[in-house]
Amino acid sequence: MLQIAFIRENQEKVINALAKRNMDAKGIVQEVVQLDEKRRATQVQLDGILSESNKLSKDIGELMKSGEKSKAAILKEKTVLLKDKSKKLSETADILAADLLEKLYTLPNLPADIVPVGKTPEENLNVFQEGDIPVLHEGAQPHWELVKKYDIIDFELGVKIAGAGFPVYKGKGAKLQRALINYFLDKNTAAGYNEVQVPHMVNEASAYGTGQLPDKEGQMYHDKTDDLYLIPTAEVPVTNLFRDVILNENELPVLTTAYTPCFRREAGSYGAHVRGLNRLHQFDKVEIVRVEHPDKSYEALDGMVEHVKSILQELKLPYRILRLCGGDMGFTASLTYDFEVFSTAQDRWLEISSVSNFETFQANRLKLRFKDKDGKNQLAHTLNGSALALPRVLAGILENYQTPEGIVIPEVLRPYCGFDIID
């Protein structure tokens, strides 16, 4: 959430920055500022009345001590009127604060200066590419055919149990899935990330804290009875570990990693591009989350990018890195890099990771702060990235490593799998 003081003092800057997201924010920025002015003016009135009421209470005490009860009675009548007025002003202030917060929740994060201008994914900037695209044998197949051939993932059985988008992993497919999870976690912990296991459901406050609500409400599975949401990513529960926390500056940075299943409704997703593992309602992902000093968050972002690169280099998958344009960037991000693996059998790039810096946007919602050297509380910066999302990594391995004899397992995964080939 953007800070109201920053909006108030930088209205044109906010409007111009959000224009990079193809958003005309002039109207809502003006509404926010006007609501804030009314709220602050009401608070000034309320503070004045409370101060006057406190003074009268002291005066009444003095008058009672001196025996001037009639004068004290007059002042008591005045305090009753002030109390009624303060109650009304307090209610007005609460309504204005709630309205202001509701408006602030609708404003996305400001894009960083280096975010490219653009409206569609086609306008994202390719900043790095590595790996040779393999030449496959004649008759090579996309992964949704390969998994049937080798009986390692059953999409139809998943439909029977839950519906489309809930695959069943079998035999060597399940073992390869588990191998990837363990490999990713080992890579992350070796890089200094502390592993945690977190709930797979979160309350409304947690979903608001990281920005999934109200922006992605329709994309989340919601249990109305207990008012809990299935997590769309481990980012939500992991980042909320630090909600309402004040860290000491010397505790920064905080590095955390977690494996979780993820659940997304993906409403409106249809067509050939979502076949097989390309788009699921339930999938596995290993996440990395950082809480950083504001002066060091972009250096940390670069470090996260290098970390994900090292994983893909070891898997020997052809990949590229895109800097997302304003129109394709997530609601909460200030800067995002997407990693994509090339699927030779599908002849297309598949997104397998997003690494983002949210600056203070999430921290402001979470009230996540740190105490600086002068003893002042400051908002921290939060960052997160997939390291990695499994379905499309698995799709890339199955398709790019297929041979006439079977699917060869990347060398780095063989100790985790216990086998060298799926045949």
Protein backbone atom coordinates (compact mmCIF):
# COMPACT_ATOMS: atom_id res chain seq x y z
CA MET A 1 0.00 0.00 0.00
CA LEU A 2 1.30 3.44 -0.89
CA GLN A 3 1.97 5.74 2.06
CA ILE A 4 -0.58 8.54 2.35
CA ALA A 5 2.06 11.13 3.26
CA PHE A 6 3.99 10.29 0.09
CA ILE A 7 0.84 10.59 -2.06
CA ARG A 8 -0.10 13.89 -0.44
CA GLU A 9 3.34 15.40 -1.04
CA ASN A 10 3.96 13.85 -4.51
CA GLN A 11 0.61 13.81 -6.28
CA GLU A 12 1.93 14.45 -9.80
CA LYS A 13 4.73 11.93 -9.34
CA VAL A 14 2.24 9.24 -8.28
CA ILE A 15 -0.10 10.02 -11.20
CA ASN A 16 2.76 9.95 -13.71
CA ALA A 17 4.23 6.74 -12.27
CA LEU A 18 0.91 4.91 -12.39
CA ALA A 19 0.47 6.05 -15.99
CA LYS A 20 3.31 3.60 -16.74
CA ARG A 21 0.84 0.92 -15.63
CA ASN A 22 -1.64 2.38 -18.15
CA MET A 23 -3.74 3.70 -15.28
CA ASP A 24 -5.34 7.13 -15.19
CA ALA A 25 -4.95 7.71 -11.46
CA LYS A 26 -5.66 11.44 -11.31
CA GLY A 27 -9.22 11.05 -10.04
CA ILE A 28 -8.50 8.53 -7.31
CA VAL A 29 -5.37 10.37 -6.18
CA GLN A 30 -7.42 13.53 -5.76
CA GLU A 31 -10.10 11.57 -3.85
CA VAL A 32 -7.44 10.09 -1.57
CA VAL A 33 -5.94 13.50 -0.82
CA GLN A 34 -9.37 15.05 -0.15
CA LEU A 35 -10.36 12.20 2.16
CA ASP A 36 -7.08 12.55 4.01
CA GLU A 37 -7.59 16.31 4.41
CA LYS A 38 -11.09 15.73 5.86
CA ARG A 39 -9.80 12.98 8.13
CA ARG A 40 -6.93 15.12 9.43
CA ALA A 41 -9.19 18.18 9.93
CA THR A 42 -11.67 16.02 11.86
CA GLN A 43 -8.84 14.61 13.96
CA VAL A 44 -7.62 18.13 14.77
CA GLN A 45 -11.12 19.05 15.96
CA LEU A 46 -11.35 15.86 17.99
CA ASP A 47 -7.94 16.39 19.57
CA GLY A 48 -8.95 19.96 20.49
CA ILE A 49 -12.16 18.79 22.15
CA LEU A 50 -10.39 16.00 24.04
CA SER A 51 -7.77 18.48 25.23
CA GLU A 52 -10.47 20.89 26.39
CA SER A 53 -12.35 18.07 28.09
CA ASN A 54 -9.22 16.96 29.96
CA LYS A 55 -8.62 20.55 31.12
CA LEU A 56 -12.22 20.84 32.32
CA SER A 57 -11.87 17.59 34.27
CA LYS A 58 -8.89 19.03 36.13
CA ASP A 59 -10.74 22.30 36.77
CA ILE A 60 -13.75 20.36 38.11
CA GLY A 61 -11.45 18.52 40.48
CA GLU A 62 -9.97 21.76 41.78
CA LEU A 63 -13.41 23.34 42.21
CA MET A 64 -14.68 20.33 44.13
CA LYS A 65 -11.69 20.47 46.43
CA SER A 66 -12.34 24.15 47.15
CA GLY A 67 -16.04 23.49 47.79
CA GLU A 68 -17.34 25.43 44.75
CA LYS A 69 -19.78 22.70 43.75
CA SER A 70 -22.13 24.96 41.77
CA LYS A 71 -19.32 26.08 39.47
CA ALA A 72 -18.17 22.47 39.15
CA ALA A 73 -21.71 21.45 38.12
CA ILE A 74 -21.72 24.01 35.32
CA LEU A 75 -18.42 22.63 34.00
CA LYS A 76 -19.76 19.08 34.24
CA GLU A 77 -22.67 20.02 31.97
CA LYS A 78 -20.14 21.39 29.50
CA THR A 79 -18.10 18.16 29.59
CA VAL A 80 -21.28 16.17 28.79
CA LEU A 81 -21.76 18.29 25.65
CA LEU A 82 -18.10 17.92 24.74
CA LYS A 83 -18.30 14.15 25.25
CA ASP A 84 -21.26 13.91 22.88
CA LYS A 85 -19.48 16.05 20.31
CA SER A 86 -16.25 14.05 20.61
CA LYS A 87 -18.18 10.80 20.12
CA LYS A 88 -19.70 12.08 16.86
CA LEU A 89 -16.32 13.37 15.65
CA SER A 90 -14.67 10.07 16.55
CA GLU A 91 -17.27 8.15 14.54
CA THR A 92 -16.76 10.52 11.60
CA ALA A 93 -12.99 10.11 11.83
CA ASP A 94 -13.34 6.31 11.84
CA ILE A 95 -15.60 6.40 8.77
CA LEU A 96 -13.18 8.69 6.92
CA ALA A 97 -10.20 6.49 7.89
CA ALA A 98 -12.01 3.37 6.62
CA ASP A 99 -12.97 5.09 3.36
CA LEU A 100 -9.39 6.29 2.92
CA LEU A 101 -7.98 2.81 3.53
CA GLU A 102 -10.43 1.32 1.03
CA LYS A 103 -9.26 3.81 -1.61
CA LEU A 104 -5.59 3.19 -0.83
CA TYR A 105 -6.11 -0.55 -1.30
CA THR A 106 -7.12 0.08 -4.92
CA LEU A 107 -3.86 1.82 -5.83
CA PRO A 108 -1.10 -0.48 -7.15
CA ASN A 109 2.58 -0.02 -6.39
CA LEU A 110 4.61 2.56 -8.26
CA PRO A 111 6.86 1.07 -10.95
CA ALA A 112 10.59 1.57 -10.55
CA ASP A 113 12.24 3.99 -12.97
CA ILE A 114 13.75 1.18 -15.07
CA VAL A 115 10.39 -0.55 -15.68
CA PRO A 116 9.72 -0.44 -19.44
CA VAL A 117 6.63 1.31 -20.77
CA GLY A 118 4.20 -1.16 -22.30
CA LYS A 119 0.75 -2.71 -22.15
CA THR A 120 1.22 -6.37 -23.07
CA PRO A 121 3.67 -9.23 -22.39
CA GLU A 122 5.04 -8.71 -25.90
CA GLU A 123 6.49 -5.41 -24.68
CA ASN A 124 8.51 -6.94 -21.85
CA LEU A 125 12.26 -6.42 -22.18
CA ASN A 126 14.50 -9.45 -22.74
CA VAL A 127 17.54 -8.68 -20.58
CA PHE A 128 19.34 -12.05 -20.61
CA GLN A 129 19.24 -15.38 -22.41
CA GLU A 130 21.34 -18.49 -21.94
CA GLY A 131 21.43 -22.13 -23.02
CA ASP A 132 21.23 -23.88 -26.35
CA ILE A 133 17.82 -24.97 -27.51
CA PRO A 134 18.11 -28.73 -28.10
CA VAL A 135 17.31 -30.31 -31.43
CA LEU A 136 14.84 -33.11 -30.72
CA HIS A 137 14.50 -36.39 -32.53
CA GLU A 138 11.77 -36.98 -35.10
CA GLY A 139 8.49 -37.73 -33.41
CA ALA A 140 9.28 -35.74 -30.23
CA GLN A 141 6.14 -34.95 -28.24
CA PRO A 142 4.81 -32.30 -25.85
CA HIS A 143 4.76 -33.28 -22.19
CA TRP A 144 1.02 -34.06 -22.06
CA GLU A 145 1.65 -36.90 -24.51
CA LEU A 146 4.89 -38.00 -22.85
CA VAL A 147 3.28 -38.41 -19.43
CA LYS A 148 0.69 -40.77 -20.91
CA LYS A 149 3.34 -42.72 -22.79
CA TYR A 150 5.42 -43.30 -19.63
CA ASP A 151 2.46 -43.32 -17.19
CA ILE A 152 3.96 -40.72 -14.84
CA ILE A 153 1.19 -38.07 -14.62
CA ASP A 154 -2.52 -38.77 -14.97
CA PHE A 155 -4.64 -35.73 -15.83
CA GLU A 156 -7.86 -37.72 -16.33
CA LEU A 157 -7.59 -39.34 -12.90
CA GLY A 158 -7.21 -35.85 -11.42
CA VAL A 159 -10.41 -34.79 -13.20
CA LYS A 160 -12.19 -37.77 -11.63
CA ILE A 161 -11.05 -36.81 -8.13
CA ALA A 162 -11.26 -33.01 -8.21
CA GLY A 163 -11.63 -31.59 -11.72
CA ALA A 164 -9.41 -30.20 -14.47
CA GLY A 165 -6.15 -28.67 -13.27
CA PHE A 166 -5.51 -31.18 -10.45
CA PRO A 167 -3.07 -33.78 -11.85
CA VAL A 168 -2.06 -37.04 -10.18
CA TYR A 169 1.69 -37.74 -10.21
CA LYS A 170 2.61 -41.43 -10.37
CA GLY A 171 5.71 -43.59 -10.01
CA LYS A 172 8.79 -41.90 -11.43
CA GLY A 173 6.73 -38.76 -12.06
CA ALA A 174 6.01 -38.43 -8.33
CA LYS A 175 9.65 -39.17 -7.48
CA LEU A 176 10.88 -36.56 -9.96
CA GLN A 177 8.48 -34.03 -8.46
CA ARG A 178 9.79 -34.77 -4.96
CA ALA A 179 13.37 -34.64 -6.23
CA LEU A 180 12.84 -31.14 -7.64
CA ILE A 181 11.34 -29.90 -4.35
CA ASN A 182 14.26 -31.24 -2.31
CA TYR A 183 16.82 -29.95 -4.79
CA PHE A 184 15.33 -26.44 -4.78
CA LEU A 185 15.16 -26.35 -0.98
CA ASP A 186 18.76 -27.55 -0.69
CA LYS A 187 19.92 -24.87 -3.13
CA ASN A 188 18.06 -22.19 -1.21
CA THR A 189 19.24 -23.21 2.24
CA ALA A 190 22.82 -23.46 0.96
CA ALA A 191 22.44 -19.83 -0.18
CA GLY A 192 21.49 -18.75 3.35
CA TYR A 193 17.69 -19.00 3.26
CA ASN A 194 16.10 -20.38 6.43
CA GLU A 195 13.59 -23.12 5.66
CA VAL A 196 10.12 -22.93 7.24
CA GLN A 197 6.91 -24.92 6.95
CA VAL A 198 3.85 -22.71 6.94
CA PRO A 199 0.03 -23.09 6.86
CA HIS A 200 -1.55 -23.65 3.47
CA MET A 201 -4.51 -21.47 4.43
CA VAL A 202 -4.45 -17.86 5.57
CA ASN A 203 -6.87 -15.43 7.14
CA GLU A 204 -8.14 -12.25 5.53
CA ALA A 205 -5.56 -10.04 7.29
CA SER A 206 -2.73 -12.09 5.80
CA ALA A 207 -4.19 -11.90 2.30
CA TYR A 208 -4.55 -8.13 2.63
CA GLY A 209 -1.05 -7.88 4.08
CA THR A 210 0.71 -9.12 0.95
CA GLY A 211 -1.74 -7.56 -1.50
CA GLN A 212 -3.72 -10.56 -2.74
CA LEU A 213 -6.84 -8.86 -1.38
CA PRO A 214 -8.74 -7.08 -2.66
CA ASP A 215 -6.87 -7.28 -6.01
CA LYS A 216 -6.98 -11.07 -6.55
CA GLU A 217 -10.07 -11.98 -4.56
CA GLY A 218 -11.74 -13.77 -7.49
CA GLN A 219 -8.65 -15.91 -8.12
CA MET A 220 -8.38 -17.34 -4.61
CA TYR A 221 -10.21 -20.35 -3.20
CA HIS A 222 -12.19 -19.15 -0.18
CA ASP A 223 -13.75 -21.12 2.67
CA LYS A 224 -16.60 -18.85 3.72
CA THR A 225 -17.43 -20.79 6.89
CA ASP A 226 -14.07 -20.13 8.56
CA ASP A 227 -13.20 -17.13 6.33
CA LEU A 228 -9.88 -18.68 5.26
CA TYR A 229 -8.17 -18.61 1.88
CA LEU A 230 -6.10 -21.36 0.25
CA ILE A 231 -2.70 -19.84 -0.50
CA PRO A 232 -1.89 -18.90 -4.12
CA THR A 233 1.83 -18.90 -3.22
CA ALA A 234 4.02 -19.43 -0.15
CA GLU A 235 4.81 -15.71 -0.36
CA VAL A 236 1.59 -15.01 1.54
CA PRO A 237 2.13 -17.01 4.75
CA VAL A 238 5.92 -16.57 4.74
CA THR A 239 5.82 -12.77 4.41
CA ASN A 240 3.08 -12.61 7.06
CA LEU A 241 5.46 -14.19 9.55
CA PHE A 242 6.71 -10.60 9.87
CA ARG A 243 3.34 -8.82 10.10
CA ASP A 244 3.29 -6.31 13.00
CA VAL A 245 6.98 -6.99 13.67
CA ILE A 246 9.67 -4.41 14.46
CA LEU A 247 13.15 -5.74 13.69
CA ASN A 248 16.44 -4.28 14.76
CA GLU A 249 18.53 -2.95 11.89
CA ASN A 250 21.27 -5.49 12.64
CA GLU A 251 18.74 -8.33 12.09
CA LEU A 252 18.44 -7.41 8.42
CA PRO A 253 18.38 -9.05 5.97
CA VAL A 254 16.03 -11.90 6.83
CA LEU A 255 16.05 -14.73 4.27
CA THR A 256 13.34 -17.39 4.25
CA THR A 257 12.38 -20.28 1.96
CA ALA A 258 9.40 -22.64 1.97
CA TYR A 259 7.85 -25.39 -0.09
CA THR A 260 4.05 -25.39 -0.35
CA PRO A 261 1.32 -26.51 -2.69
CA CYS A 262 -0.34 -23.49 -4.29
CA PHE A 263 -3.98 -23.05 -5.26
CA ARG A 264 -5.33 -20.72 -7.94
CA ARG A 265 -8.75 -20.66 -9.53
CA GLU A 266 -7.30 -19.33 -12.80
CA ALA A 267 -10.78 -18.29 -13.88
CA GLY A 268 -11.05 -17.59 -17.59
CA SER A 269 -7.94 -19.60 -18.57
CA TYR A 270 -8.69 -21.67 -21.66
CA GLY A 271 -7.02 -22.82 -24.88
CA ALA A 272 -4.03 -24.83 -26.07
CA HIS A 273 -1.56 -22.66 -24.14
CA VAL A 274 -2.92 -23.99 -20.82
CA ARG A 275 -2.77 -27.70 -21.72
CA GLY A 276 -1.14 -30.23 -19.43
CA LEU A 277 1.14 -28.70 -16.81
CA ASN A 278 1.09 -25.24 -18.39
CA ARG A 279 -1.74 -23.96 -16.16
CA LEU A 280 -3.04 -25.73 -13.05
CA HIS A 281 -5.36 -25.07 -10.13
CA GLN A 282 -3.05 -26.90 -7.71
CA PHE A 283 0.71 -27.00 -8.14
CA ASP A 284 3.90 -27.15 -6.09
CA LYS A 285 6.34 -24.29 -5.66
CA VAL A 286 9.41 -23.46 -3.62
CA GLU A 287 9.54 -19.78 -2.67
CA ILE A 288 12.23 -17.42 -1.42
CA VAL A 289 11.34 -14.29 0.59
CA ARG A 290 13.61 -11.52 1.83
CA VAL A 291 13.12 -8.65 4.28
CA GLU A 292 15.71 -6.01 3.45
CA HIS A 293 17.02 -2.59 4.42
CA PRO A 294 15.67 -0.07 1.88
CA ASP A 295 19.21 0.89 0.86
CA LYS A 296 20.07 -2.69 -0.08
CA SER A 297 16.90 -4.13 -1.59
CA TYR A 298 17.83 -3.70 -5.25
CA GLU A 299 21.23 -5.26 -4.65
CA ALA A 300 19.33 -8.12 -3.00
CA LEU A 301 17.00 -8.37 -6.02
CA ASP A 302 20.02 -8.78 -8.30
CA GLY A 303 21.29 -11.50 -5.96
CA MET A 304 17.98 -13.35 -6.17
CA VAL A 305 18.10 -13.20 -9.97
CA GLU A 306 21.61 -14.69 -9.93
CA HIS A 307 20.44 -17.40 -7.54
CA VAL A 308 17.61 -18.52 -9.84
CA LYS A 309 20.01 -18.38 -12.80
CA SER A 310 22.37 -20.77 -11.00
CA ILE A 311 19.56 -23.33 -10.57
CA LEU A 312 18.59 -23.22 -14.25
CA GLN A 313 22.24 -23.47 -15.24
CA GLU A 314 22.60 -26.65 -13.19
CA LEU A 315 19.42 -28.06 -14.71
CA LYS A 316 20.86 -27.15 -18.14
CA LEU A 317 17.59 -25.74 -19.40
CA PRO A 318 17.54 -22.95 -22.01
CA TYR A 319 16.06 -19.85 -20.37
CA ARG A 320 15.66 -16.12 -20.68
CA ILE A 321 15.00 -13.27 -18.24
CA LEU A 322 12.43 -10.56 -18.94
CA ARG A 323 12.06 -7.23 -17.20
CA LEU A 324 8.30 -6.78 -17.10
CA CYS A 325 6.72 -3.68 -18.58
CA GLY A 326 4.31 -1.55 -16.57
CA GLY A 327 1.22 -3.13 -18.11
CA ASP A 328 2.29 -6.71 -17.36
CA MET A 329 3.61 -6.23 -13.84
CA GLY A 330 1.80 -7.49 -10.74
CA PHE A 331 -0.27 -5.16 -8.56
CA THR A 332 2.18 -5.15 -5.64
CA ALA A 333 5.53 -5.10 -7.46
CA SER A 334 7.82 -2.18 -8.07
CA LEU A 335 10.11 -4.20 -10.36
CA THR A 336 9.75 -7.78 -11.60
CA TYR A 337 11.98 -10.14 -13.54
CA ASP A 338 10.31 -13.17 -15.11
CA PHE A 339 12.27 -16.31 -15.92
CA GLU A 340 11.09 -18.38 -18.85
CA VAL A 341 12.23 -21.83 -19.98
CA PHE A 342 12.05 -22.73 -23.65
CA SER A 343 9.88 -25.74 -24.40
CA THR A 344 11.29 -27.24 -27.57
CA ALA A 345 8.38 -29.64 -28.07
CA GLN A 346 5.83 -26.81 -27.73
CA ASP A 347 8.09 -24.28 -29.49
CA ARG A 348 7.30 -21.61 -26.91
CA TRP A 349 8.62 -19.97 -23.75
CA LEU A 350 7.10 -21.01 -20.41
CA GLU A 351 7.23 -18.74 -17.35
CA ILE A 352 8.78 -20.61 -14.41
CA SER A 353 9.69 -17.87 -11.95
CA SER A 354 8.99 -14.26 -11.03
CA VAL A 355 11.42 -12.34 -8.82
CA SER A 356 10.12 -9.02 -7.48
CA ASN A 357 10.96 -6.09 -5.24
CA PHE A 358 7.89 -4.63 -3.53
CA GLU A 359 9.85 -1.86 -1.77
CA THR A 360 7.64 -0.64 1.15
CA PHE A 361 4.31 -1.55 -0.49
CA GLN A 362 3.72 -4.79 1.43
CA ALA A 363 5.56 -3.61 4.54
CA ASN A 364 3.18 -0.66 4.88
CA ARG A 365 0.19 -3.02 4.83
CA LEU A 366 1.94 -5.46 7.17
CA LYS A 367 3.31 -2.79 9.53
CA LEU A 368 6.68 -4.48 9.05
CA ARG A 369 9.33 -2.10 10.35
CA PHE A 370 12.87 -1.97 11.61
CA LYS A 371 14.48 0.28 14.19
CA ASP A 372 17.34 2.27 12.62
CA LYS A 373 20.55 3.42 14.30
CA ASP A 374 18.82 6.55 15.58
CA GLY A 375 16.07 4.48 17.20
CA LYS A 376 13.44 5.50 14.64
CA ASN A 377 11.06 2.98 13.11
CA GLN A 378 11.23 2.67 9.33
CA LEU A 379 9.36 0.49 6.87
CA ALA A 380 11.43 -2.42 5.55
CA HIS A 381 11.50 -3.58 1.92
CA THR A 382 10.12 -7.02 1.00
CA LEU A 383 11.13 -9.19 -1.96
CA ASN A 384 10.08 -12.60 -3.16
CA GLY A 385 10.75 -15.06 -5.93
CA SER A 386 9.94 -18.55 -7.13
CA ALA A 387 12.89 -20.89 -6.81
CA LEU A 388 11.13 -22.52 -8.52
CA ALA A 389 7.54 -23.27 -9.64
CA LEU A 390 7.50 -26.96 -10.48
CA PRO A 391 4.92 -27.63 -13.23
CA ARG A 392 6.61 -25.78 -16.07
CA VAL A 393 10.11 -26.72 -14.92
CA LEU A 394 8.94 -30.32 -15.04
CA ALA A 395 7.37 -29.74 -18.46
CA GLY A 396 10.65 -28.25 -19.70
CA ILE A 397 12.65 -31.24 -18.40
CA LEU A 398 10.26 -33.80 -19.89
CA GLU A 399 10.21 -32.13 -23.30
CA ASN A 400 13.82 -30.95 -23.65
CA TYR A 401 15.38 -34.12 -22.21
CA GLN A 402 13.31 -36.61 -24.22
CA THR A 403 15.13 -39.13 -26.41
CA PRO A 404 13.96 -42.15 -28.45
CA GLU A 405 14.99 -44.33 -25.46
CA GLY A 406 13.18 -42.29 -22.81
CA ILE A 407 13.41 -39.08 -20.78
CA VAL A 408 16.92 -38.53 -19.43
CA ILE A 409 17.09 -37.07 -15.90
CA PRO A 410 19.29 -33.94 -15.53
CA GLU A 411 22.54 -34.98 -13.90
CA VAL A 412 22.09 -32.69 -10.88
CA LEU A 413 18.76 -34.39 -10.03
CA ARG A 414 19.91 -38.01 -10.27
CA PRO A 415 21.08 -38.28 -6.64
CA TYR A 416 17.64 -37.02 -5.58
CA CYS A 417 15.69 -39.28 -7.96
CA GLY A 418 17.59 -42.53 -7.64
CA PHE A 419 17.26 -43.19 -11.40
CA ASP A 420 18.82 -41.78 -14.58
CA ILE A 421 16.02 -42.19 -17.11
CA ILE A 422 12.24 -42.53 -17.38
CA ASP A 423 11.63 -45.33 -19.85
